[in-house]
Amino acid sequence: MLVKRIVSELIDIIIMFAAVVGVLYGLANLEFLGSFESGLLNTLALVSTLIMCIAVPILLQSLFWQEGRSIGKNYVGLVVVDSLTKEKVGFSTMLVREAFSKWLSLWIMCIPIFFGKRGVHENATQTEVRVYIKKRS
C-alpha cells in the first residue's frame, strides 16, 4: 500500500507540474504580457497568471475530489475514507487534505507515512487511505 500511495502522489505531482508549465508556456507566448505601458496592467497580467497557475491544477483535481480520490489515487485504486464511518469523504474534506499535505506543507506533513504512521493531514481531517473496492449494484 505504501508503494501505491507514493505512486499516486508522484502522479499528482506530475499532473500539477504539467498543468502549471502548460499555463506558463501558453502565457509566455502571448506577446502582450509585460508589454503594457502601465504598471497596473502589468500587475494585473501577473496576478491573473498566478491565479491560473493555482486554479488549473485545483480544477483538474477537483473533478475527482467528490469521489474521495485524487487523479493519482484513482489511477492506482485508492480512496480516502472517514476514519470513523469508513465512508468515502467528500469535496470539502479532500480540499482540506490537499491544502494541508501538498500546498501548505510542501509534503512535509506526509513524512510519517514513510514510517508506517498516519500523516498529519490524515490526523487533522480524521481520514485514512484504503484500497478502493467497487461495490456491485
N, C-alpha and C. Protein backbone atom coordinates (compact mmCIF):
# COMPACT_ATOMS: atom_id res chain seq x y z
N MET A 1 0.82 -1.19 0.00
CA MET A 1 0.00 0.00 0.00
C MET A 1 0.87 1.26 0.00
N LEU A 2 2.03 1.20 0.67
CA LEU A 2 2.92 2.36 0.69
C LEU A 2 3.38 2.71 -0.72
N VAL A 3 3.70 1.70 -1.51
CA VAL A 3 4.14 1.94 -2.89
C VAL A 3 3.02 2.59 -3.69
N LYS A 4 1.79 2.11 -3.51
CA LYS A 4 0.65 2.71 -4.22
C LYS A 4 0.46 4.17 -3.83
N ARG A 5 0.63 4.47 -2.55
CA ARG A 5 0.48 5.85 -2.10
C ARG A 5 1.55 6.75 -2.69
N ILE A 6 2.79 6.24 -2.73
CA ILE A 6 3.88 7.03 -3.30
C ILE A 6 3.65 7.26 -4.79
N VAL A 7 3.25 6.21 -5.50
CA VAL A 7 2.98 6.34 -6.94
C VAL A 7 1.84 7.33 -7.17
N SER A 8 0.79 7.27 -6.35
CA SER A 8 -0.33 8.20 -6.54
C SER A 8 0.10 9.64 -6.30
N GLU A 9 0.96 9.86 -5.31
CA GLU A 9 1.45 11.22 -5.06
C GLU A 9 2.33 11.70 -6.21
N LEU A 10 3.16 10.81 -6.73
CA LEU A 10 4.01 11.19 -7.87
C LEU A 10 3.17 11.56 -9.09
N ILE A 11 2.10 10.81 -9.32
CA ILE A 11 1.20 11.13 -10.44
C ILE A 11 0.57 12.50 -10.22
N ASP A 12 0.12 12.76 -8.99
CA ASP A 12 -0.48 14.06 -8.69
C ASP A 12 0.52 15.20 -8.89
N ILE A 13 1.77 14.98 -8.46
CA ILE A 13 2.81 16.00 -8.61
C ILE A 13 3.07 16.27 -10.09
N ILE A 14 3.19 15.20 -10.87
CA ILE A 14 3.47 15.35 -12.30
C ILE A 14 2.34 16.10 -13.00
N ILE A 15 1.11 15.76 -12.65
CA ILE A 15 -0.04 16.43 -13.28
C ILE A 15 -0.09 17.90 -12.89
N MET A 16 0.14 18.20 -11.60
CA MET A 16 0.14 19.60 -11.17
C MET A 16 1.26 20.37 -11.86
N PHE A 17 2.45 19.78 -11.93
CA PHE A 17 3.58 20.43 -12.57
C PHE A 17 3.31 20.66 -14.06
N ALA A 18 2.78 19.64 -14.72
CA ALA A 18 2.49 19.76 -16.15
C ALA A 18 1.44 20.83 -16.41
N ALA A 19 0.43 20.91 -15.55
CA ALA A 19 -0.60 21.93 -15.73
C ALA A 19 -0.02 23.33 -15.57
N VAL A 20 0.81 23.51 -14.55
CA VAL A 20 1.41 24.83 -14.32
C VAL A 20 2.35 25.20 -15.47
N VAL A 21 3.18 24.24 -15.90
CA VAL A 21 4.10 24.51 -17.01
C VAL A 21 3.31 24.83 -18.28
N GLY A 22 2.23 24.10 -18.51
CA GLY A 22 1.41 24.36 -19.69
C GLY A 22 0.81 25.75 -19.68
N VAL A 23 0.30 26.16 -18.53
CA VAL A 23 -0.27 27.51 -18.41
C VAL A 23 0.82 28.56 -18.62
N LEU A 24 1.97 28.37 -17.97
CA LEU A 24 3.06 29.34 -18.10
C LEU A 24 3.59 29.41 -19.53
N TYR A 25 3.70 28.26 -20.18
CA TYR A 25 4.18 28.24 -21.56
C TYR A 25 3.20 28.96 -22.48
N GLY A 26 1.93 28.70 -22.28
CA GLY A 26 0.93 29.38 -23.09
C GLY A 26 0.94 30.88 -22.88
N LEU A 27 1.10 31.30 -21.63
CA LEU A 27 1.12 32.73 -21.34
C LEU A 27 2.41 33.38 -21.80
N ALA A 28 3.52 32.63 -21.78
CA ALA A 28 4.80 33.19 -22.23
C ALA A 28 4.77 33.49 -23.72
N ASN A 29 3.94 32.77 -24.44
CA ASN A 29 3.84 33.00 -25.87
C ASN A 29 2.93 34.17 -26.24
N LEU A 30 2.24 34.69 -25.26
CA LEU A 30 1.41 35.87 -25.54
C LEU A 30 2.31 37.09 -25.64
N GLU A 31 2.21 37.80 -26.71
CA GLU A 31 3.11 38.93 -26.94
C GLU A 31 2.81 40.12 -26.05
N PHE A 32 1.57 40.24 -25.61
CA PHE A 32 1.21 41.43 -24.85
C PHE A 32 1.64 41.37 -23.39
N LEU A 33 1.93 40.20 -22.86
CA LEU A 33 2.27 40.08 -21.44
C LEU A 33 3.59 40.81 -21.16
N GLY A 34 3.55 41.79 -20.31
CA GLY A 34 4.74 42.55 -19.96
C GLY A 34 5.02 43.71 -20.90
N SER A 35 4.20 43.91 -21.90
CA SER A 35 4.46 44.98 -22.86
C SER A 35 3.57 46.20 -22.63
N PHE A 36 2.84 46.20 -21.54
CA PHE A 36 1.95 47.33 -21.28
C PHE A 36 2.75 48.54 -20.79
N GLU A 37 2.28 49.70 -21.16
CA GLU A 37 2.90 50.94 -20.70
C GLU A 37 2.62 51.14 -19.21
N SER A 38 1.44 50.75 -18.80
CA SER A 38 1.01 50.98 -17.42
C SER A 38 1.50 49.86 -16.50
N GLY A 39 2.01 50.25 -15.35
CA GLY A 39 2.44 49.27 -14.36
C GLY A 39 1.25 48.50 -13.80
N LEU A 40 0.09 49.15 -13.76
CA LEU A 40 -1.12 48.49 -13.25
C LEU A 40 -1.52 47.33 -14.15
N LEU A 41 -1.45 47.52 -15.47
CA LEU A 41 -1.81 46.44 -16.38
C LEU A 41 -0.82 45.28 -16.29
N ASN A 42 0.46 45.59 -16.12
CA ASN A 42 1.45 44.53 -15.93
C ASN A 42 1.18 43.76 -14.64
N THR A 43 0.80 44.47 -13.59
CA THR A 43 0.47 43.82 -12.32
C THR A 43 -0.76 42.93 -12.47
N LEU A 44 -1.78 43.42 -13.16
CA LEU A 44 -2.97 42.61 -13.40
C LEU A 44 -2.65 41.37 -14.22
N ALA A 45 -1.78 41.51 -15.21
CA ALA A 45 -1.38 40.35 -16.02
C ALA A 45 -0.64 39.33 -15.16
N LEU A 46 0.23 39.79 -14.27
CA LEU A 46 0.96 38.88 -13.39
C LEU A 46 0.02 38.18 -12.42
N VAL A 47 -0.90 38.93 -11.83
CA VAL A 47 -1.86 38.34 -10.88
C VAL A 47 -2.74 37.31 -11.58
N SER A 48 -3.20 37.62 -12.78
CA SER A 48 -4.04 36.65 -13.50
C SER A 48 -3.25 35.40 -13.85
N THR A 49 -1.97 35.54 -14.16
CA THR A 49 -1.12 34.37 -14.43
C THR A 49 -1.00 33.51 -13.18
N LEU A 50 -0.75 34.13 -12.04
CA LEU A 50 -0.64 33.37 -10.79
C LEU A 50 -1.95 32.67 -10.46
N ILE A 51 -3.06 33.34 -10.65
CA ILE A 51 -4.36 32.73 -10.37
C ILE A 51 -4.58 31.52 -11.27
N MET A 52 -4.22 31.64 -12.54
CA MET A 52 -4.39 30.50 -13.45
C MET A 52 -3.48 29.33 -13.07
N CYS A 53 -2.25 29.63 -12.63
CA CYS A 53 -1.33 28.56 -12.24
C CYS A 53 -1.82 27.83 -10.99
N ILE A 54 -2.58 28.50 -10.17
CA ILE A 54 -3.15 27.85 -8.99
C ILE A 54 -4.47 27.18 -9.34
N ALA A 55 -5.28 27.83 -10.14
CA ALA A 55 -6.63 27.34 -10.42
C ALA A 55 -6.66 26.10 -11.30
N VAL A 56 -5.80 26.03 -12.30
CA VAL A 56 -5.85 24.90 -13.24
C VAL A 56 -5.60 23.56 -12.53
N PRO A 57 -4.53 23.41 -11.73
CA PRO A 57 -4.36 22.12 -11.02
C PRO A 57 -5.50 21.82 -10.05
N ILE A 58 -6.00 22.85 -9.37
CA ILE A 58 -7.11 22.63 -8.43
C ILE A 58 -8.35 22.16 -9.18
N LEU A 59 -8.64 22.78 -10.31
CA LEU A 59 -9.81 22.37 -11.09
C LEU A 59 -9.67 20.96 -11.63
N LEU A 60 -8.48 20.59 -12.07
CA LEU A 60 -8.25 19.22 -12.55
C LEU A 60 -8.49 18.21 -11.43
N GLN A 61 -7.89 18.47 -10.27
CA GLN A 61 -8.02 17.53 -9.15
C GLN A 61 -9.45 17.51 -8.60
N SER A 62 -10.11 18.66 -8.61
CA SER A 62 -11.45 18.74 -8.01
C SER A 62 -12.46 17.85 -8.72
N LEU A 63 -12.19 17.49 -9.97
CA LEU A 63 -13.08 16.57 -10.67
C LEU A 63 -13.15 15.22 -9.97
N PHE A 64 -12.11 14.85 -9.26
CA PHE A 64 -12.05 13.56 -8.58
C PHE A 64 -12.34 13.66 -7.09
N TRP A 65 -12.24 14.86 -6.51
CA TRP A 65 -12.42 15.00 -5.07
C TRP A 65 -13.80 14.61 -4.58
N GLN A 66 -14.82 14.77 -5.38
CA GLN A 66 -16.18 14.41 -4.98
C GLN A 66 -16.27 12.93 -4.64
N GLU A 67 -15.43 12.12 -5.26
CA GLU A 67 -15.42 10.67 -5.02
C GLU A 67 -14.41 10.27 -3.96
N GLY A 68 -13.79 11.23 -3.28
CA GLY A 68 -12.82 10.91 -2.25
C GLY A 68 -11.49 10.43 -2.81
N ARG A 69 -11.15 10.90 -4.00
CA ARG A 69 -9.92 10.46 -4.64
C ARG A 69 -9.23 11.65 -5.30
N SER A 70 -7.96 11.44 -5.62
CA SER A 70 -7.25 12.38 -6.48
C SER A 70 -7.00 11.66 -7.80
N ILE A 71 -6.40 12.33 -8.76
CA ILE A 71 -6.13 11.67 -10.03
C ILE A 71 -5.20 10.48 -9.82
N GLY A 72 -4.16 10.67 -9.01
CA GLY A 72 -3.22 9.59 -8.74
C GLY A 72 -3.86 8.44 -7.98
N LYS A 73 -4.68 8.75 -6.98
CA LYS A 73 -5.36 7.69 -6.22
C LYS A 73 -6.34 6.93 -7.11
N ASN A 74 -6.98 7.62 -8.01
CA ASN A 74 -7.89 6.97 -8.95
C ASN A 74 -7.13 5.99 -9.84
N TYR A 75 -5.96 6.38 -10.30
CA TYR A 75 -5.16 5.54 -11.20
C TYR A 75 -4.67 4.26 -10.51
N VAL A 76 -4.22 4.37 -9.25
CA VAL A 76 -3.68 3.19 -8.56
C VAL A 76 -4.72 2.44 -7.73
N GLY A 77 -5.95 2.95 -7.67
CA GLY A 77 -7.02 2.23 -7.00
C GLY A 77 -7.11 2.46 -5.50
N LEU A 78 -6.89 3.69 -5.06
CA LEU A 78 -7.02 4.04 -3.65
C LEU A 78 -8.16 5.03 -3.47
N VAL A 79 -8.68 5.10 -2.26
CA VAL A 79 -9.75 6.04 -1.94
C VAL A 79 -9.53 6.54 -0.52
N VAL A 80 -9.93 7.78 -0.25
CA VAL A 80 -9.84 8.36 1.08
C VAL A 80 -11.17 8.17 1.77
N VAL A 81 -11.13 7.58 2.98
CA VAL A 81 -12.36 7.33 3.73
C VAL A 81 -12.27 8.00 5.09
N ASP A 82 -13.43 8.25 5.67
CA ASP A 82 -13.52 8.79 7.02
C ASP A 82 -13.06 7.71 8.00
N SER A 83 -12.25 8.08 8.99
CA SER A 83 -11.71 7.10 9.94
C SER A 83 -12.79 6.44 10.77
N LEU A 84 -13.86 7.15 11.06
CA LEU A 84 -14.90 6.61 11.93
C LEU A 84 -15.96 5.84 11.17
N THR A 85 -16.47 6.42 10.10
CA THR A 85 -17.60 5.80 9.39
C THR A 85 -17.17 4.89 8.25
N LYS A 86 -15.91 4.99 7.82
CA LYS A 86 -15.38 4.21 6.69
C LYS A 86 -16.08 4.53 5.37
N GLU A 87 -16.77 5.66 5.30
CA GLU A 87 -17.41 6.12 4.06
C GLU A 87 -16.44 7.03 3.31
N LYS A 88 -16.60 7.08 1.98
CA LYS A 88 -15.78 7.99 1.18
C LYS A 88 -16.02 9.42 1.63
N VAL A 89 -14.95 10.20 1.68
CA VAL A 89 -15.09 11.60 2.07
C VAL A 89 -15.51 12.42 0.86
N GLY A 90 -15.99 13.62 1.12
CA GLY A 90 -16.48 14.47 0.05
C GLY A 90 -15.49 15.54 -0.37
N PHE A 91 -15.99 16.46 -1.14
CA PHE A 91 -15.17 17.51 -1.74
C PHE A 91 -14.45 18.36 -0.70
N SER A 92 -15.18 18.83 0.32
CA SER A 92 -14.58 19.75 1.28
C SER A 92 -13.45 19.10 2.08
N THR A 93 -13.64 17.85 2.47
CA THR A 93 -12.59 17.15 3.21
C THR A 93 -11.36 16.94 2.33
N MET A 94 -11.58 16.59 1.07
CA MET A 94 -10.45 16.40 0.15
C MET A 94 -9.72 17.73 -0.08
N LEU A 95 -10.46 18.82 -0.17
CA LEU A 95 -9.83 20.12 -0.35
C LEU A 95 -8.91 20.44 0.83
N VAL A 96 -9.40 20.20 2.05
CA VAL A 96 -8.59 20.46 3.25
C VAL A 96 -7.37 19.54 3.27
N ARG A 97 -7.56 18.25 2.97
CA ARG A 97 -6.44 17.30 2.93
C ARG A 97 -5.37 17.75 1.94
N GLU A 98 -5.80 18.10 0.75
CA GLU A 98 -4.85 18.50 -0.29
C GLU A 98 -4.15 19.81 0.09
N ALA A 99 -4.90 20.75 0.66
CA ALA A 99 -4.30 22.02 1.06
C ALA A 99 -3.26 21.80 2.15
N PHE A 100 -3.56 20.94 3.13
CA PHE A 100 -2.60 20.65 4.19
C PHE A 100 -1.38 19.92 3.66
N SER A 101 -1.61 18.82 2.96
CA SER A 101 -0.50 17.93 2.62
C SER A 101 0.35 18.42 1.47
N LYS A 102 -0.23 19.11 0.53
CA LYS A 102 0.53 19.46 -0.66
C LYS A 102 0.92 20.93 -0.71
N TRP A 103 -0.03 21.80 -0.54
CA TRP A 103 0.24 23.20 -0.82
C TRP A 103 0.82 23.94 0.38
N LEU A 104 0.30 23.71 1.57
CA LEU A 104 0.78 24.46 2.73
C LEU A 104 2.07 23.90 3.32
N SER A 105 2.21 22.59 3.30
CA SER A 105 3.37 21.98 3.97
C SER A 105 4.44 21.51 3.01
N LEU A 106 4.18 21.59 1.70
CA LEU A 106 5.11 21.09 0.69
C LEU A 106 5.50 19.64 0.97
N TRP A 107 4.53 18.84 1.32
CA TRP A 107 4.62 17.40 1.57
C TRP A 107 5.38 17.03 2.85
N ILE A 108 5.78 18.00 3.67
CA ILE A 108 6.48 17.68 4.92
C ILE A 108 5.57 16.92 5.86
N MET A 109 4.28 17.24 5.87
CA MET A 109 3.34 16.55 6.75
C MET A 109 3.13 15.10 6.37
N CYS A 110 3.58 14.71 5.20
CA CYS A 110 3.40 13.32 4.73
C CYS A 110 4.56 12.41 5.15
N ILE A 111 5.61 12.96 5.72
CA ILE A 111 6.79 12.16 6.08
C ILE A 111 6.46 10.99 6.99
N PRO A 112 5.58 11.12 8.01
CA PRO A 112 5.28 9.96 8.86
C PRO A 112 4.74 8.75 8.09
N ILE A 113 4.15 8.97 6.94
CA ILE A 113 3.62 7.86 6.14
C ILE A 113 4.72 6.89 5.76
N PHE A 114 5.93 7.39 5.51
CA PHE A 114 7.05 6.53 5.13
C PHE A 114 7.49 5.61 6.27
N PHE A 115 7.07 5.91 7.48
CA PHE A 115 7.40 5.08 8.64
C PHE A 115 6.19 4.27 9.11
N GLY A 116 5.19 4.15 8.26
CA GLY A 116 4.02 3.34 8.57
C GLY A 116 3.02 4.00 9.50
N LYS A 117 3.13 5.30 9.68
CA LYS A 117 2.21 6.02 10.57
C LYS A 117 1.28 6.90 9.74
N ARG A 118 0.30 7.45 10.40
CA ARG A 118 -0.63 8.36 9.72
C ARG A 118 0.02 9.72 9.53
N GLY A 119 -0.26 10.34 8.39
CA GLY A 119 0.25 11.67 8.14
C GLY A 119 -0.50 12.71 8.96
N VAL A 120 0.10 13.86 9.14
CA VAL A 120 -0.53 14.93 9.91
C VAL A 120 -1.84 15.34 9.25
N HIS A 121 -1.87 15.37 7.92
CA HIS A 121 -3.10 15.75 7.22
C HIS A 121 -4.21 14.72 7.44
N GLU A 122 -3.85 13.46 7.68
CA GLU A 122 -4.86 12.44 7.97
C GLU A 122 -5.40 12.59 9.38
N ASN A 123 -4.53 12.92 10.32
CA ASN A 123 -5.00 13.16 11.69
C ASN A 123 -5.86 14.41 11.77
N ALA A 124 -5.49 15.45 11.03
CA ALA A 124 -6.24 16.71 11.06
C ALA A 124 -7.64 16.55 10.49
N THR A 125 -7.79 15.71 9.47
CA THR A 125 -9.10 15.56 8.82
C THR A 125 -9.81 14.27 9.22
N GLN A 126 -9.21 13.48 10.12
CA GLN A 126 -9.79 12.20 10.56
C GLN A 126 -10.11 11.31 9.36
N THR A 127 -9.11 11.12 8.50
CA THR A 127 -9.29 10.29 7.31
C THR A 127 -8.17 9.27 7.21
N GLU A 128 -8.36 8.30 6.34
CA GLU A 128 -7.32 7.32 6.03
C GLU A 128 -7.50 6.87 4.59
N VAL A 129 -6.43 6.31 4.04
CA VAL A 129 -6.45 5.87 2.65
C VAL A 129 -6.63 4.36 2.64
N ARG A 130 -7.55 3.89 1.82
CA ARG A 130 -7.84 2.46 1.69
C ARG A 130 -7.80 2.07 0.22
N VAL A 131 -7.70 0.77 -0.01
CA VAL A 131 -7.81 0.26 -1.37
C VAL A 131 -9.26 0.37 -1.79
N TYR A 132 -9.50 0.87 -2.99
CA TYR A 132 -10.85 1.08 -3.49
C TYR A 132 -11.44 -0.24 -3.96
N ILE A 133 -12.60 -0.57 -3.41
CA ILE A 133 -13.33 -1.77 -3.83
C ILE A 133 -14.67 -1.29 -4.37
N LYS A 134 -14.88 -1.54 -5.64
CA LYS A 134 -16.12 -1.10 -6.28
C LYS A 134 -17.27 -1.99 -5.82
N LYS A 135 -18.32 -1.35 -5.32
CA LYS A 135 -19.50 -2.10 -4.88
C LYS A 135 -20.36 -2.44 -6.07
N ARG A 136 -20.80 -3.67 -6.12
CA ARG A 136 -21.69 -4.09 -7.21
C ARG A 136 -23.12 -3.73 -6.86
N SER A 137 -23.85 -3.29 -7.87
CA SER A 137 -25.25 -2.92 -7.60
C SER A 137 -26.21 -3.78 -8.39
